[in-house]
Amino acid sequence: MTREKAEKLGSLFLAVFSTGLVVQFATTTGLAPQQWFGAAVAVLGSLSMAVVVRVWPQPQPVLARSDRNER
């Protein structure tokens, strides 16, 4: 598994896990308004992380300069 694929799967797992956790707590215990706000922030944060991992450009390797030894 490549690093890029692991990052994408990890961010997807984070988004699905946090959303599922919020839904599970909301259905079993009921959430107060402050808890709803915190849950929404957690879900939006994990979704934005998943998007950032997919759109952030990969670092490019630095090529050695060939003109250093041409004196």
PDB file of N, CA and C in Angstrom:
ATOM      1  N   MET A   1       0.845  -1.168   0.000  1.00  0.00           N
ATOM      2  CA  MET A   1       0.000   0.000   0.000  1.00  0.00           C
ATOM      3  C   MET A   1       0.897   1.239   0.000  1.00  0.00           C
ATOM      4  N   THR A   2       0.604   2.161  -0.875  1.00  0.00           N
ATOM      5  CA  THR A   2       1.402   3.378  -0.964  1.00  0.00           C
ATOM      6  C   THR A   2       0.963   4.364   0.113  1.00  0.00           C
ATOM      7  N   ARG A   3       1.823   5.337   0.347  1.00  0.00           N
ATOM      8  CA  ARG A   3       1.524   6.347   1.359  1.00  0.00           C
ATOM      9  C   ARG A   3       0.295   7.158   0.969  1.00  0.00           C
ATOM     10  N   GLU A   4       0.188   7.494  -0.316  1.00  0.00           N
ATOM     11  CA  GLU A   4      -0.944   8.291  -0.780  1.00  0.00           C
ATOM     12  C   GLU A   4      -2.264   7.548  -0.551  1.00  0.00           C
ATOM     13  N   LYS A   5      -2.280   6.264  -0.856  1.00  0.00           N
ATOM     14  CA  LYS A   5      -3.489   5.475  -0.668  1.00  0.00           C
ATOM     15  C   LYS A   5      -3.824   5.351   0.822  1.00  0.00           C
ATOM     16  N   ALA A   6      -2.814   5.179   1.658  1.00  0.00           N
ATOM     17  CA  ALA A   6      -3.047   5.085   3.103  1.00  0.00           C
ATOM     18  C   ALA A   6      -3.612   6.391   3.654  1.00  0.00           C
ATOM     19  N   GLU A   7      -3.110   7.526   3.163  1.00  0.00           N
ATOM     20  CA  GLU A   7      -3.624   8.815   3.617  1.00  0.00           C
ATOM     21  C   GLU A   7      -5.085   8.994   3.217  1.00  0.00           C
ATOM     22  N   LYS A   8      -5.411   8.607   2.003  1.00  0.00           N
ATOM     23  CA  LYS A   8      -6.790   8.750   1.546  1.00  0.00           C
ATOM     24  C   LYS A   8      -7.733   7.828   2.314  1.00  0.00           C
ATOM     25  N   LEU A   9      -7.318   6.584   2.539  1.00  0.00           N
ATOM     26  CA  LEU A   9      -8.162   5.659   3.293  1.00  0.00           C
ATOM     27  C   LEU A   9      -8.294   6.097   4.752  1.00  0.00           C
ATOM     28  N   GLY A  10      -7.224   6.610   5.325  1.00  0.00           N
ATOM     29  CA  GLY A  10      -7.271   7.082   6.705  1.00  0.00           C
ATOM     30  C   GLY A  10      -8.204   8.261   6.878  1.00  0.00           C
ATOM     31  N   SER A  11      -8.158   9.205   5.949  1.00  0.00           N
ATOM     32  CA  SER A  11      -9.045  10.360   6.052  1.00  0.00           C
ATOM     33  C   SER A  11     -10.499   9.958   5.818  1.00  0.00           C
ATOM     34  N   LEU A  12     -10.722   9.010   4.927  1.00  0.00           N
ATOM     35  CA  LEU A  12     -12.078   8.512   4.706  1.00  0.00           C
ATOM     36  C   LEU A  12     -12.591   7.808   5.964  1.00  0.00           C
ATOM     37  N   PHE A  13     -11.757   6.990   6.591  1.00  0.00           N
ATOM     38  CA  PHE A  13     -12.149   6.319   7.822  1.00  0.00           C
ATOM     39  C   PHE A  13     -12.474   7.339   8.910  1.00  0.00           C
ATOM     40  N   LEU A  14     -11.674   8.387   9.030  1.00  0.00           N
ATOM     41  CA  LEU A  14     -11.921   9.423  10.033  1.00  0.00           C
ATOM     42  C   LEU A  14     -13.277  10.077   9.815  1.00  0.00           C
ATOM     43  N   ALA A  15     -13.598  10.415   8.577  1.00  0.00           N
ATOM     44  CA  ALA A  15     -14.876  11.060   8.277  1.00  0.00           C
ATOM     45  C   ALA A  15     -16.053  10.133   8.572  1.00  0.00           C
ATOM     46  N   VAL A  16     -15.969   8.891   8.140  1.00  0.00           N
ATOM     47  CA  VAL A  16     -17.060   7.945   8.365  1.00  0.00           C
ATOM     48  C   VAL A  16     -17.201   7.630   9.853  1.00  0.00           C
ATOM     49  N   PHE A  17     -16.092   7.441  10.551  1.00  0.00           N
ATOM     50  CA  PHE A  17     -16.129   7.107  11.972  1.00  0.00           C
ATOM     51  C   PHE A  17     -16.734   8.242  12.786  1.00  0.00           C
ATOM     52  N   SER A  18     -16.310   9.480  12.548  1.00  0.00           N
ATOM     53  CA  SER A  18     -16.832  10.592  13.345  1.00  0.00           C
ATOM     54  C   SER A  18     -18.316  10.819  13.058  1.00  0.00           C
ATOM     55  N   THR A  19     -18.726  10.672  11.811  1.00  0.00           N
ATOM     56  CA  THR A  19     -20.137  10.822  11.479  1.00  0.00           C
ATOM     57  C   THR A  19     -20.964   9.713  12.133  1.00  0.00           C
ATOM     58  N   GLY A  20     -20.486   8.490  12.060  1.00  0.00           N
ATOM     59  CA  GLY A  20     -21.199   7.379  12.684  1.00  0.00           C
ATOM     60  C   GLY A  20     -21.291   7.518  14.189  1.00  0.00           C
ATOM     61  N   LEU A  21     -20.217   8.008  14.805  1.00  0.00           N
ATOM     62  CA  LEU A  21     -20.212   8.202  16.249  1.00  0.00           C
ATOM     63  C   LEU A  21     -21.232   9.260  16.664  1.00  0.00           C
ATOM     64  N   VAL A  22     -21.304  10.347  15.910  1.00  0.00           N
ATOM     65  CA  VAL A  22     -22.277  11.397  16.208  1.00  0.00           C
ATOM     66  C   VAL A  22     -23.695  10.859  16.068  1.00  0.00           C
ATOM     67  N   VAL A  23     -23.962  10.123  14.999  1.00  0.00           N
ATOM     68  CA  VAL A  23     -25.299   9.570  14.785  1.00  0.00           C
ATOM     69  C   VAL A  23     -25.657   8.595  15.899  1.00  0.00           C
ATOM     70  N   GLN A  24     -24.716   7.762  16.315  1.00  0.00           N
ATOM     71  CA  GLN A  24     -24.984   6.787  17.369  1.00  0.00           C
ATOM     72  C   GLN A  24     -25.297   7.480  18.690  1.00  0.00           C
ATOM     73  N   PHE A  25     -24.514   8.484  19.061  1.00  0.00           N
ATOM     74  CA  PHE A  25     -24.785   9.204  20.305  1.00  0.00           C
ATOM     75  C   PHE A  25     -26.098   9.967  20.236  1.00  0.00           C
ATOM     76  N   ALA A  26     -26.403  10.550  19.089  1.00  0.00           N
ATOM     77  CA  ALA A  26     -27.637  11.317  18.950  1.00  0.00           C
ATOM     78  C   ALA A  26     -28.867  10.426  19.093  1.00  0.00           C
ATOM     79  N   THR A  27     -28.811   9.214  18.560  1.00  0.00           N
ATOM     80  CA  THR A  27     -29.986   8.333  18.617  1.00  0.00           C
ATOM     81  C   THR A  27     -30.132   7.649  19.970  1.00  0.00           C
ATOM     82  N   THR A  28     -29.043   7.356  20.655  1.00  0.00           N
ATOM     83  CA  THR A  28     -29.164   6.610  21.907  1.00  0.00           C
ATOM     84  C   THR A  28     -29.300   7.501  23.133  1.00  0.00           C
ATOM     85  N   THR A  29     -28.616   8.628  23.189  1.00  0.00           N
ATOM     86  CA  THR A  29     -28.616   9.439  24.407  1.00  0.00           C
ATOM     87  C   THR A  29     -29.322  10.769  24.236  1.00  0.00           C
ATOM     88  N   GLY A  30     -29.427  11.248  23.031  1.00  0.00           N
ATOM     89  CA  GLY A  30     -29.963  12.592  22.829  1.00  0.00           C
ATOM     90  C   GLY A  30     -28.888  13.613  23.160  1.00  0.00           C
ATOM     91  N   LEU A  31     -28.771  14.612  22.345  1.00  0.00           N
ATOM     92  CA  LEU A  31     -27.705  15.587  22.529  1.00  0.00           C
ATOM     93  C   LEU A  31     -28.273  16.947  22.916  1.00  0.00           C
ATOM     94  N   ALA A  32     -27.592  17.625  23.809  1.00  0.00           N
ATOM     95  CA  ALA A  32     -27.923  19.004  24.153  1.00  0.00           C
ATOM     96  C   ALA A  32     -27.459  19.904  23.006  1.00  0.00           C
ATOM     97  N   PRO A  33     -27.966  21.132  22.929  1.00  0.00           N
ATOM     98  CA  PRO A  33     -27.563  22.026  21.826  1.00  0.00           C
ATOM     99  C   PRO A  33     -26.049  22.253  21.750  1.00  0.00           C
ATOM    100  N   GLN A  34     -25.369  22.346  22.878  1.00  0.00           N
ATOM    101  CA  GLN A  34     -23.919  22.534  22.858  1.00  0.00           C
ATOM    102  C   GLN A  34     -23.233  21.284  22.294  1.00  0.00           C
ATOM    103  N   GLN A  35     -23.777  20.133  22.592  1.00  0.00           N
ATOM    104  CA  GLN A  35     -23.203  18.904  22.071  1.00  0.00           C
ATOM    105  C   GLN A  35     -23.428  18.781  20.570  1.00  0.00           C
ATOM    106  N   TRP A  36     -24.574  19.258  20.094  1.00  0.00           N
ATOM    107  CA  TRP A  36     -24.819  19.256  18.647  1.00  0.00           C
ATOM    108  C   TRP A  36     -23.787  20.122  17.933  1.00  0.00           C
ATOM    109  N   PHE A  37     -23.488  21.278  18.506  1.00  0.00           N
ATOM    110  CA  PHE A  37     -22.492  22.161  17.904  1.00  0.00           C
ATOM    111  C   PHE A  37     -21.120  21.491  17.868  1.00  0.00           C
ATOM    112  N   GLY A  38     -20.717  20.873  18.956  1.00  0.00           N
ATOM    113  CA  GLY A  38     -19.436  20.167  18.987  1.00  0.00           C
ATOM    114  C   GLY A  38     -19.393  19.006  18.018  1.00  0.00           C
ATOM    115  N   ALA A  39     -20.509  18.288  17.906  1.00  0.00           N
ATOM    116  CA  ALA A  39     -20.578  17.165  16.967  1.00  0.00           C
ATOM    117  C   ALA A  39     -20.483  17.651  15.526  1.00  0.00           C
ATOM    118  N   ALA A  40     -21.160  18.755  15.229  1.00  0.00           N
ATOM    119  CA  ALA A  40     -21.099  19.304  13.876  1.00  0.00           C
ATOM    120  C   ALA A  40     -19.683  19.767  13.537  1.00  0.00           C
ATOM    121  N   VAL A  41     -18.993  20.372  14.486  1.00  0.00           N
ATOM    122  CA  VAL A  41     -17.614  20.807  14.262  1.00  0.00           C
ATOM    123  C   VAL A  41     -16.707  19.603  14.023  1.00  0.00           C
ATOM    124  N   ALA A  42     -16.912  18.513  14.774  1.00  0.00           N
ATOM    125  CA  ALA A  42     -16.093  17.315  14.585  1.00  0.00           C
ATOM    126  C   ALA A  42     -16.317  16.701  13.208  1.00  0.00           C
ATOM    127  N   VAL A  43     -17.556  16.623  12.777  1.00  0.00           N
ATOM    128  CA  VAL A  43     -17.859  16.046  11.467  1.00  0.00           C
ATOM    129  C   VAL A  43     -17.312  16.938  10.356  1.00  0.00           C
ATOM    130  N   LEU A  44     -17.530  18.241  10.451  1.00  0.00           N
ATOM    131  CA  LEU A  44     -17.008  19.150   9.420  1.00  0.00           C
ATOM    132  C   LEU A  44     -15.486  19.146   9.394  1.00  0.00           C
ATOM    133  N   GLY A  45     -14.858  19.037  10.546  1.00  0.00           N
ATOM    134  CA  GLY A  45     -13.398  18.968  10.586  1.00  0.00           C
ATOM    135  C   GLY A  45     -12.866  17.720   9.912  1.00  0.00           C
ATOM    136  N   SER A  46     -13.495  16.586  10.154  1.00  0.00           N
ATOM    137  CA  SER A  46     -13.017  15.351   9.526  1.00  0.00           C
ATOM    138  C   SER A  46     -13.298  15.353   8.030  1.00  0.00           C
ATOM    139  N   LEU A  47     -14.426  15.923   7.616  1.00  0.00           N
ATOM    140  CA  LEU A  47     -14.706  16.010   6.175  1.00  0.00           C
ATOM    141  C   LEU A  47     -13.734  16.961   5.479  1.00  0.00           C
ATOM    142  N   SER A  48     -13.415  18.085   6.127  1.00  0.00           N
ATOM    143  CA  SER A  48     -12.462  19.004   5.507  1.00  0.00           C
ATOM    144  C   SER A  48     -11.071  18.388   5.441  1.00  0.00           C
ATOM    145  N   MET A  49     -10.701  17.581   6.420  1.00  0.00           N
ATOM    146  CA  MET A  49      -9.414  16.888   6.378  1.00  0.00           C
ATOM    147  C   MET A  49      -9.375  15.899   5.223  1.00  0.00           C
ATOM    148  N   ALA A  50     -10.481  15.201   4.990  1.00  0.00           N
ATOM    149  CA  ALA A  50     -10.542  14.263   3.877  1.00  0.00           C
ATOM    150  C   ALA A  50     -10.390  14.991   2.545  1.00  0.00           C
ATOM    151  N   VAL A  51     -10.977  16.163   2.425  1.00  0.00           N
ATOM    152  CA  VAL A  51     -10.862  16.939   1.190  1.00  0.00           C
ATOM    153  C   VAL A  51      -9.442  17.454   1.012  1.00  0.00           C
ATOM    154  N   VAL A  52      -8.836  17.948   2.081  1.00  0.00           N
ATOM    155  CA  VAL A  52      -7.472  18.484   2.003  1.00  0.00           C
ATOM    156  C   VAL A  52      -6.486  17.401   1.580  1.00  0.00           C
ATOM    157  N   VAL A  53      -6.638  16.196   2.099  1.00  0.00           N
ATOM    158  CA  VAL A  53      -5.730  15.109   1.737  1.00  0.00           C
ATOM    159  C   VAL A  53      -5.823  14.807   0.247  1.00  0.00           C
ATOM    160  N   ARG A  54      -7.001  14.936  -0.320  1.00  0.00           N
ATOM    161  CA  ARG A  54      -7.182  14.609  -1.732  1.00  0.00           C
ATOM    162  C   ARG A  54      -6.733  15.722  -2.682  1.00  0.00           C
ATOM    163  N   VAL A  55      -6.812  16.987  -2.272  1.00  0.00           N
ATOM    164  CA  VAL A  55      -6.488  18.077  -3.190  1.00  0.00           C
ATOM    165  C   VAL A  55      -5.108  18.683  -2.964  1.00  0.00           C
ATOM    166  N   TRP A  56      -4.458  18.394  -1.843  1.00  0.00           N
ATOM    167  CA  TRP A  56      -3.141  18.966  -1.566  1.00  0.00           C
ATOM    168  C   TRP A  56      -2.129  18.362  -2.526  1.00  0.00           C
ATOM    169  N   PRO A  57      -1.306  19.179  -3.183  1.00  0.00           N
ATOM    170  CA  PRO A  57      -0.342  18.628  -4.141  1.00  0.00           C
ATOM    171  C   PRO A  57       0.757  17.827  -3.442  1.00  0.00           C
ATOM    172  N   GLN A  58       1.193  16.771  -4.095  1.00  0.00           N
ATOM    173  CA  GLN A  58       2.278  15.952  -3.562  1.00  0.00           C
ATOM    174  C   GLN A  58       3.597  16.702  -3.726  1.00  0.00           C
ATOM    175  N   PRO A  59       4.514  16.571  -2.778  1.00  0.00           N
ATOM    176  CA  PRO A  59       5.800  17.252  -2.917  1.00  0.00           C
ATOM    177  C   PRO A  59       6.593  16.689  -4.099  1.00  0.00           C
ATOM    178  N   GLN A  60       7.247  17.581  -4.814  1.00  0.00           N
ATOM    179  CA  GLN A  60       8.048  17.184  -5.963  1.00  0.00           C
ATOM    180  C   GLN A  60       9.497  17.007  -5.524  1.00  0.00           C
ATOM    181  N   PRO A  61      10.187  15.998  -6.045  1.00  0.00           N
ATOM    182  CA  PRO A  61      11.587  15.813  -5.666  1.00  0.00           C
ATOM    183  C   PRO A  61      12.458  16.956  -6.206  1.00  0.00           C
ATOM    184  N   VAL A  62      13.451  17.307  -5.445  1.00  0.00           N
ATOM    185  CA  VAL A  62      14.369  18.377  -5.838  1.00  0.00           C
ATOM    186  C   VAL A  62      15.487  17.767  -6.669  1.00  0.00           C
ATOM    187  N   LEU A  63      15.711  18.322  -7.839  1.00  0.00           N
ATOM    188  CA  LEU A  63      16.775  17.836  -8.706  1.00  0.00           C
ATOM    189  C   LEU A  63      18.075  18.573  -8.380  1.00  0.00           C
ATOM    190  N   ALA A  64      19.181  17.862  -8.417  1.00  0.00           N
ATOM    191  CA  ALA A  64      20.481  18.465  -8.141  1.00  0.00           C
ATOM    192  C   ALA A  64      20.868  19.396  -9.279  1.00  0.00           C
ATOM    193  N   ARG A  65      21.459  20.516  -8.926  1.00  0.00           N
ATOM    194  CA  ARG A  65      21.917  21.455  -9.954  1.00  0.00           C
ATOM    195  C   ARG A  65      23.181  20.917 -10.583  1.00  0.00           C
ATOM    196  N   SER A  66      23.237  20.946 -11.894  1.00  0.00           N
ATOM    197  CA  SER A  66      24.408  20.412 -12.607  1.00  0.00           C
ATOM    198  C   SER A  66      25.473  21.483 -12.872  1.00  0.00           C
ATOM    199  N   ASP A  67      25.148  22.753 -12.662  1.00  0.00           N
ATOM    200  CA  ASP A  67      26.115  23.811 -12.981  1.00  0.00           C
ATOM    201  C   ASP A  67      27.062  24.128 -11.821  1.00  0.00           C
ATOM    202  N   ARG A  68      27.029  23.451 -10.731  1.00  0.00           N
ATOM    203  CA  ARG A  68      27.897  23.722  -9.591  1.00  0.00           C
ATOM    204  C   ARG A  68      29.350  23.368  -9.881  1.00  0.00           C
ATOM    205  N   ASN A  69      29.580  22.311 -10.624  1.00  0.00           N
ATOM    206  CA  ASN A  69      30.938  21.833 -10.872  1.00  0.00           C
ATOM    207  C   ASN A  69      31.484  22.268 -12.229  1.00  0.00           C
ATOM    208  N   GLU A  70      30.879  23.221 -12.857  1.00  0.00           N
ATOM    209  CA  GLU A  70      31.299  23.623 -14.213  1.00  0.00           C
ATOM    210  C   GLU A  70      32.152  24.888 -14.182  1.00  0.00           C
ATOM    211  N   ARG A  71      33.006  25.076 -13.241  1.00  0.00           N
ATOM    212  CA  ARG A  71      33.836  26.278 -13.155  1.00  0.00           C
ATOM    213  C   ARG A  71      35.053  26.143 -13.952  1.00  0.00           C
TER     214      ARG A  71
END
